[in-house]
């Protein structure tokens, strides 16, 4: 597996410049927001440069804790939103010692190898408050898919949908929505679940 952290360190400014910010993800983000109730803390795993996902929640009055392994991305986050919390860490094995009203892993979780993805469900559960929505993207089917970013190979992997459902249930989440290659969201395969 290529070193995704080093890759995003190297291309952070280009990625931030070119990353779509028109909020094609809005319906999914609003579905999370509608389930927050009075709680407004959001954990964004693989937060990138904070735009547009973290920015959406910040603009809605949420307190965002963003986690990313690429410090160059976090520098952009801190410059944009100095009042939020930005943590340099690998999401694998993360334990912040607190729970959040929502957990997001949009376009980040799927850069992990299958075994690391399986282990992430304990991380999700450890950080999700009771009733917290969990939003993440996966591949449309099991397997590895190599992408490309600025001339560099970019690793993606996915389990199959049945295994994701099993892992979610074992971690105490129930699936609210699952859409494969959502045509209204740039072809993303999206999971929205909720902690018990």
N, C-alpha and C. Protein backbone atom coordinates (compact mmCIF):
# COMPACT_ATOMS: atom_id res chain seq x y z
N UNK A 1 0.85 -1.20 0.00
CA UNK A 1 0.00 0.00 0.00
C UNK A 1 0.88 1.24 0.00
N UNK A 2 0.64 2.19 -0.92
CA UNK A 2 1.42 3.43 -0.93
C UNK A 2 1.23 4.21 0.36
N UNK A 3 2.19 5.09 0.65
CA UNK A 3 2.15 5.92 1.85
C UNK A 3 1.21 7.10 1.61
N UNK A 4 -0.05 6.92 1.99
CA UNK A 4 -1.06 7.94 1.72
C UNK A 4 -0.77 9.23 2.46
N UNK A 5 -0.26 9.13 3.68
CA UNK A 5 0.04 10.34 4.44
C UNK A 5 1.08 11.20 3.72
N UNK A 6 2.19 10.59 3.31
CA UNK A 6 3.24 11.34 2.62
C UNK A 6 2.73 11.94 1.31
N UNK A 7 1.88 11.18 0.63
CA UNK A 7 1.32 11.68 -0.62
C UNK A 7 0.50 12.94 -0.39
N UNK A 8 -0.38 12.91 0.60
CA UNK A 8 -1.20 14.10 0.87
C UNK A 8 -0.38 15.25 1.44
N UNK A 9 0.71 14.95 2.15
CA UNK A 9 1.63 16.02 2.57
C UNK A 9 2.17 16.75 1.34
N UNK A 10 2.53 15.97 0.33
CA UNK A 10 3.17 16.53 -0.85
C UNK A 10 2.22 17.33 -1.74
N UNK A 11 0.95 16.93 -1.76
CA UNK A 11 0.01 17.55 -2.72
C UNK A 11 -1.05 18.40 -2.02
N UNK A 12 -0.86 18.73 -0.75
CA UNK A 12 -1.91 19.40 0.02
C UNK A 12 -2.44 20.65 -0.66
N UNK A 13 -1.55 21.52 -1.11
CA UNK A 13 -2.01 22.79 -1.70
C UNK A 13 -2.74 22.56 -3.02
N UNK A 14 -2.23 21.65 -3.84
CA UNK A 14 -2.92 21.33 -5.10
C UNK A 14 -4.29 20.72 -4.82
N UNK A 15 -4.30 19.78 -3.89
CA UNK A 15 -5.56 19.11 -3.55
C UNK A 15 -6.59 20.12 -3.06
N UNK A 16 -6.16 21.00 -2.18
CA UNK A 16 -7.08 22.00 -1.64
C UNK A 16 -7.60 22.92 -2.74
N UNK A 17 -6.74 23.29 -3.65
CA UNK A 17 -7.14 24.16 -4.76
C UNK A 17 -8.19 23.49 -5.65
N UNK A 18 -8.01 22.19 -5.89
CA UNK A 18 -8.83 21.50 -6.88
C UNK A 18 -10.02 20.75 -6.29
N UNK A 19 -10.03 20.56 -4.97
CA UNK A 19 -11.10 19.80 -4.34
C UNK A 19 -12.44 20.51 -4.53
N UNK A 20 -13.44 19.80 -5.06
CA UNK A 20 -14.77 20.40 -5.25
C UNK A 20 -15.31 20.94 -3.94
N UNK A 21 -15.80 22.16 -3.97
CA UNK A 21 -16.33 22.78 -2.75
C UNK A 21 -17.78 23.21 -2.92
N UNK A 22 -18.44 22.65 -3.93
CA UNK A 22 -19.83 23.02 -4.20
C UNK A 22 -20.83 22.20 -3.38
N UNK A 23 -20.32 21.40 -2.46
CA UNK A 23 -21.14 20.63 -1.53
C UNK A 23 -22.12 19.68 -2.22
N UNK A 24 -21.59 18.89 -3.13
CA UNK A 24 -22.40 17.80 -3.69
C UNK A 24 -22.82 16.84 -2.58
N UNK A 25 -22.07 16.87 -1.45
CA UNK A 25 -22.34 16.00 -0.32
C UNK A 25 -23.47 16.52 0.57
N UNK A 26 -24.01 17.69 0.26
CA UNK A 26 -24.94 18.38 1.17
C UNK A 26 -26.09 17.49 1.69
N UNK A 27 -26.80 16.73 0.85
CA UNK A 27 -27.91 15.92 1.40
C UNK A 27 -27.45 14.96 2.50
N UNK A 28 -26.28 14.37 2.35
CA UNK A 28 -25.76 13.45 3.36
C UNK A 28 -25.36 14.20 4.63
N UNK A 29 -24.74 15.36 4.45
CA UNK A 29 -24.32 16.16 5.60
C UNK A 29 -25.54 16.69 6.35
N UNK A 30 -26.56 17.08 5.62
CA UNK A 30 -27.79 17.56 6.27
C UNK A 30 -28.49 16.42 7.01
N UNK A 31 -28.38 15.20 6.48
CA UNK A 31 -28.96 14.05 7.18
C UNK A 31 -28.27 13.84 8.52
N UNK A 32 -26.96 14.05 8.56
CA UNK A 32 -26.23 13.98 9.84
C UNK A 32 -26.68 15.11 10.75
N UNK A 33 -26.69 16.32 10.23
CA UNK A 33 -27.04 17.50 11.02
C UNK A 33 -28.42 17.36 11.64
N UNK A 34 -29.36 16.79 10.90
CA UNK A 34 -30.74 16.66 11.39
C UNK A 34 -30.85 15.69 12.55
N UNK A 35 -29.82 14.85 12.73
CA UNK A 35 -29.85 13.86 13.81
C UNK A 35 -29.02 14.27 15.02
N UNK A 36 -28.46 15.47 14.99
CA UNK A 36 -27.60 15.88 16.10
C UNK A 36 -28.37 16.33 17.33
N UNK A 37 -29.60 16.80 17.16
CA UNK A 37 -30.34 17.31 18.31
C UNK A 37 -29.59 18.46 18.94
N UNK A 38 -29.52 18.47 20.27
CA UNK A 38 -28.82 19.56 20.96
C UNK A 38 -27.31 19.40 20.89
N UNK A 39 -26.83 18.19 20.65
CA UNK A 39 -25.39 17.95 20.58
C UNK A 39 -24.79 18.51 19.31
N UNK A 40 -23.65 19.14 19.43
CA UNK A 40 -23.06 19.78 18.26
C UNK A 40 -21.60 19.46 18.06
N UNK A 41 -21.09 18.37 18.67
CA UNK A 41 -19.68 18.04 18.49
C UNK A 41 -19.54 17.00 17.37
N UNK A 42 -18.62 17.28 16.45
CA UNK A 42 -18.42 16.43 15.28
C UNK A 42 -16.95 16.03 15.20
N UNK A 43 -16.71 14.74 15.04
CA UNK A 43 -15.36 14.22 14.81
C UNK A 43 -15.23 13.92 13.33
N UNK A 44 -14.28 14.58 12.68
CA UNK A 44 -14.04 14.42 11.24
C UNK A 44 -12.72 13.68 11.06
N UNK A 45 -12.80 12.41 10.73
CA UNK A 45 -11.62 11.56 10.58
C UNK A 45 -11.11 11.62 9.14
N UNK A 46 -9.88 12.08 8.98
CA UNK A 46 -9.36 12.32 7.64
C UNK A 46 -9.93 13.62 7.10
N UNK A 47 -9.80 14.68 7.90
CA UNK A 47 -10.50 15.94 7.63
C UNK A 47 -9.94 16.71 6.45
N UNK A 48 -8.75 16.33 5.96
CA UNK A 48 -8.17 17.06 4.84
C UNK A 48 -7.96 18.51 5.19
N UNK A 49 -8.36 19.40 4.29
CA UNK A 49 -8.13 20.83 4.48
C UNK A 49 -9.34 21.55 5.09
N UNK A 50 -10.30 20.79 5.57
CA UNK A 50 -11.52 21.29 6.24
C UNK A 50 -12.60 21.77 5.28
N UNK A 51 -12.29 21.86 4.01
CA UNK A 51 -13.27 22.31 3.04
C UNK A 51 -13.58 21.20 2.05
N UNK A 52 -14.87 20.91 1.84
CA UNK A 52 -16.02 21.64 2.38
C UNK A 52 -16.71 20.97 3.59
N UNK A 53 -16.29 19.75 3.97
CA UNK A 53 -17.06 18.98 4.95
C UNK A 53 -17.05 19.63 6.33
N UNK A 54 -15.87 19.80 6.92
CA UNK A 54 -15.80 20.42 8.25
C UNK A 54 -16.41 21.82 8.21
N UNK A 55 -16.15 22.54 7.14
CA UNK A 55 -16.71 23.90 7.01
C UNK A 55 -18.22 23.92 7.07
N UNK A 56 -18.85 22.92 6.48
CA UNK A 56 -20.31 22.83 6.52
C UNK A 56 -20.79 22.76 7.96
N UNK A 57 -20.17 21.89 8.75
CA UNK A 57 -20.61 21.72 10.14
C UNK A 57 -20.26 22.93 11.01
N UNK A 58 -19.12 23.54 10.76
CA UNK A 58 -18.74 24.75 11.50
C UNK A 58 -19.73 25.87 11.21
N UNK A 59 -20.08 26.04 9.95
CA UNK A 59 -21.05 27.08 9.57
C UNK A 59 -22.41 26.82 10.19
N UNK A 60 -22.71 25.56 10.49
CA UNK A 60 -23.99 25.20 11.11
C UNK A 60 -23.94 25.31 12.64
N UNK A 61 -22.82 25.78 13.17
CA UNK A 61 -22.71 26.00 14.61
C UNK A 61 -22.14 24.84 15.39
N UNK A 62 -21.56 23.88 14.70
CA UNK A 62 -20.97 22.73 15.39
C UNK A 62 -19.53 23.02 15.80
N UNK A 63 -19.09 22.29 16.80
CA UNK A 63 -17.68 22.29 17.19
C UNK A 63 -17.04 21.08 16.55
N UNK A 64 -16.06 21.30 15.68
CA UNK A 64 -15.44 20.21 14.93
C UNK A 64 -14.07 19.88 15.50
N UNK A 65 -13.82 18.60 15.67
CA UNK A 65 -12.49 18.08 15.94
C UNK A 65 -12.06 17.32 14.70
N UNK A 66 -11.06 17.84 14.02
CA UNK A 66 -10.58 17.21 12.79
C UNK A 66 -9.30 16.44 13.06
N UNK A 67 -9.22 15.25 12.50
CA UNK A 67 -8.03 14.40 12.64
C UNK A 67 -7.51 14.08 11.25
N UNK A 68 -6.23 14.31 11.05
CA UNK A 68 -5.61 13.95 9.78
C UNK A 68 -4.15 13.61 10.03
N UNK A 69 -3.62 12.68 9.26
CA UNK A 69 -2.22 12.31 9.40
C UNK A 69 -1.30 13.30 8.69
N UNK A 70 -1.84 14.06 7.75
CA UNK A 70 -1.03 14.99 6.96
C UNK A 70 -1.01 16.37 7.61
N UNK A 71 0.12 16.76 8.14
CA UNK A 71 0.21 18.05 8.85
C UNK A 71 0.02 19.23 7.90
N UNK A 72 0.38 19.06 6.63
CA UNK A 72 0.18 20.14 5.67
C UNK A 72 -1.30 20.44 5.49
N UNK A 73 -2.13 19.42 5.57
CA UNK A 73 -3.58 19.62 5.51
C UNK A 73 -4.06 20.36 6.76
N UNK A 74 -3.55 19.97 7.91
CA UNK A 74 -3.99 20.59 9.16
C UNK A 74 -3.58 22.06 9.25
N UNK A 75 -2.47 22.42 8.63
CA UNK A 75 -2.08 23.84 8.59
C UNK A 75 -3.15 24.67 7.88
N UNK A 76 -3.71 24.11 6.81
CA UNK A 76 -4.79 24.80 6.10
C UNK A 76 -6.03 24.90 6.99
N UNK A 77 -6.34 23.82 7.71
CA UNK A 77 -7.49 23.82 8.62
C UNK A 77 -7.33 24.91 9.68
N UNK A 78 -6.17 24.97 10.30
CA UNK A 78 -5.94 25.94 11.38
C UNK A 78 -6.00 27.37 10.88
N UNK A 79 -5.53 27.60 9.65
CA UNK A 79 -5.59 28.94 9.09
C UNK A 79 -7.04 29.35 8.82
N UNK A 80 -7.86 28.41 8.38
CA UNK A 80 -9.26 28.71 8.05
C UNK A 80 -10.13 28.82 9.29
N UNK A 81 -9.94 27.89 10.21
CA UNK A 81 -10.84 27.77 11.35
C UNK A 81 -10.03 27.62 12.64
N UNK A 82 -9.40 28.71 13.09
CA UNK A 82 -8.53 28.62 14.27
C UNK A 82 -9.28 28.29 15.56
N UNK A 83 -10.59 28.47 15.57
CA UNK A 83 -11.36 28.19 16.77
C UNK A 83 -11.76 26.74 16.95
N UNK A 84 -11.38 25.90 16.00
CA UNK A 84 -11.71 24.48 16.08
C UNK A 84 -10.48 23.69 16.50
N UNK A 85 -10.66 22.40 16.72
CA UNK A 85 -9.56 21.55 17.18
C UNK A 85 -9.06 20.67 16.03
N UNK A 86 -7.77 20.75 15.75
CA UNK A 86 -7.17 20.00 14.64
C UNK A 86 -6.03 19.15 15.19
N UNK A 87 -6.12 17.84 15.00
CA UNK A 87 -5.21 16.89 15.63
C UNK A 87 -4.45 16.10 14.57
N UNK A 88 -3.13 16.11 14.66
CA UNK A 88 -2.30 15.30 13.77
C UNK A 88 -2.22 13.88 14.34
N UNK A 89 -2.86 12.94 13.67
CA UNK A 89 -2.87 11.56 14.16
C UNK A 89 -3.34 10.64 13.03
N UNK A 90 -2.97 9.39 13.18
CA UNK A 90 -3.45 8.32 12.31
C UNK A 90 -4.79 7.85 12.89
N UNK A 91 -5.81 7.79 12.07
CA UNK A 91 -7.12 7.38 12.57
C UNK A 91 -7.13 5.94 13.09
N UNK A 92 -6.22 5.12 12.59
CA UNK A 92 -6.15 3.72 13.01
C UNK A 92 -5.73 3.67 14.48
N UNK A 93 -6.55 3.06 15.30
CA UNK A 93 -6.23 2.95 16.72
C UNK A 93 -6.44 4.22 17.52
N UNK A 94 -7.05 5.22 16.93
CA UNK A 94 -7.27 6.50 17.60
C UNK A 94 -8.10 6.31 18.87
N UNK A 95 -7.69 7.00 19.92
CA UNK A 95 -8.48 6.99 21.17
C UNK A 95 -8.32 8.35 21.83
N UNK A 96 -9.28 9.23 21.59
CA UNK A 96 -9.24 10.59 22.13
C UNK A 96 -9.81 10.66 23.54
N UNK A 97 -10.39 9.56 24.02
CA UNK A 97 -10.91 9.53 25.38
C UNK A 97 -12.20 10.30 25.57
N UNK A 98 -12.92 10.55 24.49
CA UNK A 98 -14.21 11.24 24.59
C UNK A 98 -15.08 10.84 23.41
N UNK A 99 -16.37 11.17 23.55
CA UNK A 99 -17.34 10.81 22.52
C UNK A 99 -17.91 12.06 21.85
N UNK A 100 -18.37 11.87 20.63
CA UNK A 100 -18.84 12.98 19.81
C UNK A 100 -20.28 12.71 19.36
N UNK A 101 -20.96 13.79 19.02
CA UNK A 101 -22.36 13.69 18.60
C UNK A 101 -22.50 13.21 17.16
N UNK A 102 -21.41 13.23 16.40
CA UNK A 102 -21.39 12.67 15.05
C UNK A 102 -19.95 12.30 14.72
N UNK A 103 -19.80 11.27 13.90
CA UNK A 103 -18.48 10.85 13.43
C UNK A 103 -18.54 10.75 11.90
N UNK A 104 -17.56 11.39 11.25
CA UNK A 104 -17.51 11.44 9.78
C UNK A 104 -16.18 10.86 9.32
N UNK A 105 -16.22 10.04 8.27
CA UNK A 105 -14.99 9.58 7.62
C UNK A 105 -15.24 9.58 6.11
N UNK A 106 -15.31 10.78 5.57
CA UNK A 106 -15.68 10.96 4.17
C UNK A 106 -14.42 10.98 3.29
N UNK A 107 -14.37 10.08 2.33
CA UNK A 107 -13.23 9.98 1.41
C UNK A 107 -11.90 9.83 2.14
N UNK A 108 -11.90 9.13 3.25
CA UNK A 108 -10.66 8.92 4.00
C UNK A 108 -10.52 7.45 4.41
N UNK A 109 -11.54 6.91 5.02
CA UNK A 109 -11.58 5.53 5.49
C UNK A 109 -11.22 4.55 4.37
N UNK A 110 -11.62 4.85 3.14
CA UNK A 110 -11.38 3.89 2.06
C UNK A 110 -9.94 3.88 1.55
N UNK A 111 -9.07 4.73 2.13
CA UNK A 111 -7.64 4.64 1.82
C UNK A 111 -6.94 3.58 2.68
N UNK A 112 -7.65 3.00 3.64
CA UNK A 112 -7.07 2.00 4.53
C UNK A 112 -7.16 0.60 3.92
N UNK A 113 -6.20 -0.23 4.27
CA UNK A 113 -6.25 -1.62 3.84
C UNK A 113 -7.42 -2.34 4.52
N UNK A 114 -7.91 -3.42 3.94
CA UNK A 114 -9.09 -4.09 4.49
C UNK A 114 -8.99 -4.42 5.98
N UNK A 115 -7.86 -4.94 6.44
CA UNK A 115 -7.74 -5.29 7.86
C UNK A 115 -7.84 -4.04 8.74
N UNK A 116 -7.26 -2.95 8.27
CA UNK A 116 -7.36 -1.70 9.03
C UNK A 116 -8.79 -1.16 9.03
N UNK A 117 -9.49 -1.34 7.93
CA UNK A 117 -10.89 -0.93 7.88
C UNK A 117 -11.71 -1.72 8.92
N UNK A 118 -11.48 -3.00 8.98
CA UNK A 118 -12.23 -3.81 9.95
C UNK A 118 -12.00 -3.31 11.37
N UNK A 119 -10.77 -2.96 11.68
CA UNK A 119 -10.43 -2.48 13.03
C UNK A 119 -11.00 -1.10 13.31
N UNK A 120 -11.34 -0.36 12.29
CA UNK A 120 -11.85 1.01 12.49
C UNK A 120 -13.22 1.05 13.14
N UNK A 121 -13.97 -0.03 13.07
CA UNK A 121 -15.32 0.01 13.65
C UNK A 121 -15.27 0.12 15.18
N UNK A 122 -14.21 -0.39 15.78
CA UNK A 122 -14.01 -0.17 17.22
C UNK A 122 -13.67 1.30 17.49
N UNK A 123 -12.92 1.92 16.58
CA UNK A 123 -12.59 3.35 16.72
C UNK A 123 -13.86 4.19 16.60
N UNK A 124 -14.68 3.88 15.61
CA UNK A 124 -15.96 4.60 15.46
C UNK A 124 -16.78 4.48 16.74
N UNK A 125 -16.93 3.26 17.24
CA UNK A 125 -17.76 3.02 18.42
C UNK A 125 -17.22 3.73 19.65
N UNK A 126 -15.89 3.77 19.77
CA UNK A 126 -15.24 4.40 20.93
C UNK A 126 -15.50 5.90 20.98
N UNK A 127 -15.74 6.49 19.82
CA UNK A 127 -15.88 7.95 19.75
C UNK A 127 -17.31 8.42 19.51
N UNK A 128 -18.24 7.51 19.34
CA UNK A 128 -19.64 7.88 19.04
C UNK A 128 -20.46 7.91 20.32
N UNK A 129 -21.07 9.06 20.60
CA UNK A 129 -22.01 9.17 21.71
C UNK A 129 -23.26 8.35 21.40
N UNK A 130 -24.05 7.99 22.40
CA UNK A 130 -25.30 7.28 22.12
C UNK A 130 -26.17 8.05 21.11
N UNK A 131 -26.60 7.35 20.10
CA UNK A 131 -27.43 7.96 19.06
C UNK A 131 -26.68 8.75 18.01
N UNK A 132 -25.35 8.78 18.09
CA UNK A 132 -24.56 9.57 17.14
C UNK A 132 -24.63 8.98 15.73
N UNK A 133 -24.85 9.81 14.72
CA UNK A 133 -24.74 9.33 13.35
C UNK A 133 -23.27 9.11 12.97
N UNK A 134 -23.05 8.13 12.13
CA UNK A 134 -21.75 7.82 11.55
C UNK A 134 -21.92 7.87 10.04
N UNK A 135 -21.09 8.68 9.39
CA UNK A 135 -21.15 8.83 7.93
C UNK A 135 -19.79 8.49 7.36
N UNK A 136 -19.75 7.54 6.42
CA UNK A 136 -18.48 7.23 5.77
C UNK A 136 -18.72 6.79 4.33
N UNK A 137 -17.66 6.85 3.54
CA UNK A 137 -17.71 6.39 2.16
C UNK A 137 -16.83 5.15 2.02
N UNK A 138 -17.26 4.27 1.15
CA UNK A 138 -16.51 3.04 0.86
C UNK A 138 -16.45 2.87 -0.65
N UNK A 139 -15.89 1.76 -1.09
CA UNK A 139 -16.00 1.41 -2.49
C UNK A 139 -17.33 0.75 -2.75
N UNK A 140 -17.69 0.57 -4.02
CA UNK A 140 -18.98 -0.05 -4.35
C UNK A 140 -18.99 -1.56 -4.19
N UNK A 141 -17.81 -2.15 -4.09
CA UNK A 141 -17.72 -3.62 -3.98
C UNK A 141 -16.38 -3.95 -3.35
N UNK A 142 -16.22 -5.20 -2.93
CA UNK A 142 -14.96 -5.63 -2.31
C UNK A 142 -13.82 -5.60 -3.32
N UNK A 143 -12.66 -5.17 -2.85
CA UNK A 143 -11.48 -5.19 -3.70
C UNK A 143 -10.64 -3.94 -3.53
N UNK A 144 -9.53 -3.92 -4.24
CA UNK A 144 -8.61 -2.79 -4.24
C UNK A 144 -8.75 -2.06 -5.57
N UNK A 145 -8.76 -0.74 -5.49
CA UNK A 145 -8.81 0.08 -6.71
C UNK A 145 -7.72 1.14 -6.59
N UNK A 146 -6.83 1.17 -7.55
CA UNK A 146 -5.77 2.18 -7.54
C UNK A 146 -6.23 3.39 -8.34
N UNK A 147 -6.23 4.53 -7.67
CA UNK A 147 -6.53 5.77 -8.36
C UNK A 147 -5.24 6.50 -8.66
N UNK A 148 -5.38 7.78 -9.01
CA UNK A 148 -4.21 8.59 -9.36
C UNK A 148 -4.49 10.02 -8.91
N UNK A 149 -3.48 10.65 -8.33
CA UNK A 149 -3.60 12.05 -7.94
C UNK A 149 -2.29 12.77 -8.25
N UNK A 150 -2.35 13.71 -9.16
CA UNK A 150 -1.19 14.50 -9.56
C UNK A 150 0.00 13.62 -9.93
N UNK A 151 -0.29 12.55 -10.66
CA UNK A 151 0.76 11.67 -11.15
C UNK A 151 1.22 10.62 -10.17
N UNK A 152 0.60 10.56 -8.99
CA UNK A 152 0.95 9.57 -7.97
C UNK A 152 -0.16 8.54 -7.83
N UNK A 153 0.22 7.28 -7.60
CA UNK A 153 -0.77 6.23 -7.36
C UNK A 153 -1.45 6.46 -6.01
N UNK A 154 -2.77 6.28 -5.97
CA UNK A 154 -3.54 6.51 -4.74
C UNK A 154 -4.37 5.26 -4.45
N UNK A 155 -4.12 4.68 -3.29
CA UNK A 155 -4.72 3.40 -2.90
C UNK A 155 -6.13 3.59 -2.34
N UNK A 156 -7.05 2.73 -2.78
CA UNK A 156 -8.39 2.63 -2.21
C UNK A 156 -8.71 1.14 -2.05
N UNK A 157 -9.47 0.83 -1.01
CA UNK A 157 -9.91 -0.56 -0.83
C UNK A 157 -11.31 -0.55 -0.24
N UNK A 158 -11.99 -1.66 -0.42
CA UNK A 158 -13.33 -1.79 0.13
C UNK A 158 -13.59 -3.23 0.51
N UNK A 159 -14.41 -3.37 1.53
CA UNK A 159 -15.00 -4.67 1.86
C UNK A 159 -16.32 -4.76 1.10
N UNK A 160 -17.02 -5.88 1.20
CA UNK A 160 -18.33 -5.92 0.56
C UNK A 160 -19.40 -5.41 1.52
N UNK A 161 -20.55 -5.11 0.98
CA UNK A 161 -21.61 -4.47 1.77
C UNK A 161 -22.06 -5.35 2.93
N UNK A 162 -22.12 -6.64 2.71
CA UNK A 162 -22.56 -7.55 3.78
C UNK A 162 -21.60 -7.49 4.96
N UNK A 163 -20.30 -7.43 4.67
CA UNK A 163 -19.33 -7.37 5.76
C UNK A 163 -19.42 -6.03 6.48
N UNK A 164 -19.59 -4.92 5.75
CA UNK A 164 -19.76 -3.63 6.43
C UNK A 164 -20.97 -3.66 7.36
N UNK A 165 -22.06 -4.24 6.89
CA UNK A 165 -23.27 -4.32 7.74
C UNK A 165 -23.00 -5.14 9.00
N UNK A 166 -22.27 -6.24 8.84
CA UNK A 166 -21.94 -7.08 9.99
C UNK A 166 -21.05 -6.34 10.98
N UNK A 167 -20.05 -5.64 10.47
CA UNK A 167 -19.13 -4.88 11.33
C UNK A 167 -19.86 -3.74 12.04
N UNK A 168 -20.74 -3.07 11.33
CA UNK A 168 -21.51 -1.99 11.95
C UNK A 168 -22.38 -2.54 13.08
N UNK A 169 -23.06 -3.62 12.82
CA UNK A 169 -23.93 -4.21 13.85
C UNK A 169 -23.13 -4.65 15.06
N UNK A 170 -21.98 -5.28 14.83
CA UNK A 170 -21.15 -5.75 15.94
C UNK A 170 -20.62 -4.59 16.77
N UNK A 171 -20.44 -3.41 16.13
CA UNK A 171 -19.94 -2.23 16.84
C UNK A 171 -21.06 -1.41 17.46
N UNK A 172 -22.30 -1.86 17.30
CA UNK A 172 -23.42 -1.18 17.93
C UNK A 172 -24.08 -0.10 17.09
N UNK A 173 -23.93 -0.19 15.77
CA UNK A 173 -24.56 0.78 14.86
C UNK A 173 -25.63 0.08 14.04
N UNK A 174 -26.69 0.80 13.70
CA UNK A 174 -27.63 0.28 12.72
C UNK A 174 -27.61 1.18 11.49
N UNK A 175 -27.77 0.57 10.34
CA UNK A 175 -27.68 1.29 9.06
C UNK A 175 -28.97 2.05 8.80
N UNK A 176 -28.84 3.34 8.54
CA UNK A 176 -29.99 4.17 8.17
C UNK A 176 -30.14 4.26 6.66
N UNK A 177 -29.02 4.45 5.98
CA UNK A 177 -29.03 4.55 4.52
C UNK A 177 -27.71 4.01 3.98
N UNK A 178 -27.80 3.39 2.81
CA UNK A 178 -26.61 2.93 2.09
C UNK A 178 -26.90 3.10 0.62
N UNK A 179 -26.11 3.91 -0.04
CA UNK A 179 -26.34 4.14 -1.47
C UNK A 179 -25.06 3.85 -2.22
N UNK A 180 -25.14 2.97 -3.20
CA UNK A 180 -23.99 2.58 -4.00
C UNK A 180 -23.87 3.51 -5.20
N UNK A 181 -22.70 4.13 -5.33
CA UNK A 181 -22.39 5.01 -6.45
C UNK A 181 -23.51 6.04 -6.67
N UNK A 182 -23.79 6.79 -5.64
CA UNK A 182 -24.85 7.79 -5.64
C UNK A 182 -24.64 8.78 -6.80
N UNK A 183 -25.54 8.79 -7.78
CA UNK A 183 -25.34 9.66 -8.94
C UNK A 183 -25.48 11.14 -8.59
N UNK A 184 -26.12 11.44 -7.48
CA UNK A 184 -26.27 12.84 -7.06
C UNK A 184 -25.12 13.31 -6.20
N UNK A 185 -24.14 12.42 -5.98
CA UNK A 185 -23.01 12.76 -5.11
C UNK A 185 -21.71 12.28 -5.73
N UNK A 186 -21.55 12.56 -7.02
CA UNK A 186 -20.30 12.25 -7.69
C UNK A 186 -19.95 10.78 -7.75
N UNK A 187 -20.95 9.91 -7.64
CA UNK A 187 -20.70 8.47 -7.71
C UNK A 187 -20.16 7.86 -6.43
N UNK A 188 -20.23 8.60 -5.33
CA UNK A 188 -19.76 8.06 -4.05
C UNK A 188 -20.67 6.93 -3.55
N UNK A 189 -20.07 5.94 -2.93
CA UNK A 189 -20.82 4.93 -2.21
C UNK A 189 -20.82 5.34 -0.74
N UNK A 190 -22.01 5.58 -0.20
CA UNK A 190 -22.15 6.26 1.08
C UNK A 190 -22.91 5.39 2.07
N UNK A 191 -22.43 5.44 3.31
CA UNK A 191 -23.08 4.76 4.44
C UNK A 191 -23.44 5.79 5.51
N UNK A 192 -24.67 5.75 5.95
CA UNK A 192 -25.11 6.54 7.09
C UNK A 192 -25.68 5.57 8.11
N UNK A 193 -25.06 5.52 9.28
CA UNK A 193 -25.47 4.62 10.35
C UNK A 193 -25.67 5.44 11.62
N UNK A 194 -26.18 4.79 12.65
CA UNK A 194 -26.43 5.49 13.92
C UNK A 194 -26.08 4.57 15.07
N UNK A 195 -25.37 5.14 16.06
CA UNK A 195 -25.05 4.37 17.26
C UNK A 195 -26.29 4.10 18.06
N UNK A 196 -26.32 2.97 18.72
CA UNK A 196 -27.47 2.60 19.55
C UNK A 196 -27.63 3.60 20.71
